[in-house]
Amino acid sequence: MFLALPMLSVSGRRLGSVRSFPDFFTQCIRGGIRKTRRSKMKKIALFTLILLLCGGLVWAKEYEIQKKAGDLSVVMKMQRNPAVMGENGITVTVKDPTGKEITDAGVKVEYSMPAMPGMPPMNYGSVLAVQKNTYQGKLNFSMAGPWNIVVKILRSGKTVSTKFSLDVQ
């Protein structure tokens, strides 16, 4: 007992000439499975993309280096790792020998690129402001390459300094 059915359309898809009711069911099910598979694949792709983006943010770490300046401990953090041409955020934490953070000092950062053939040296400076027990500011690197950074700390009429090296991309 087979019924010939005319041209049918399911979910906007033309099924063509369907010869029997079982064929009609088979085509409906196949179309539904295909759509379900596509939908699942899209969801999986979107989930994977979101997971990769979140993972990248977790692994993106600041550049951090610690040195001594006299009897003080100085930790310099660059927001971007590696540092890039243009504006880069810097955070400097200064601690006394007991490990207590110091916020009553003046902190200045001088950064320079040494002279290269056909190019004079570049020298810049930035005074950092106290925010949340750290000194924060911006450094603007005008060129990629090796840069020398000197952190100067003025406290109680005495100035101590420490030097860092940084490669800018």
Foldseek 3Di string as FASTA:
>chain_A
DFDWDAFDDDPNRIPHGQGGPVSVVVSVVVVVVVVVVVVVVVVVVVVVVVVVVVVVVVPFDWDWDWDDWVQKIKIKTWNHVQAAAFKIKIKIWIAGNVGHTDQPKWKKKKKKDPDDVPGHIDIDMDTFHDDPSITMDMDHHHDFAKMKMKIWIADPNDITIDIDIHTYD
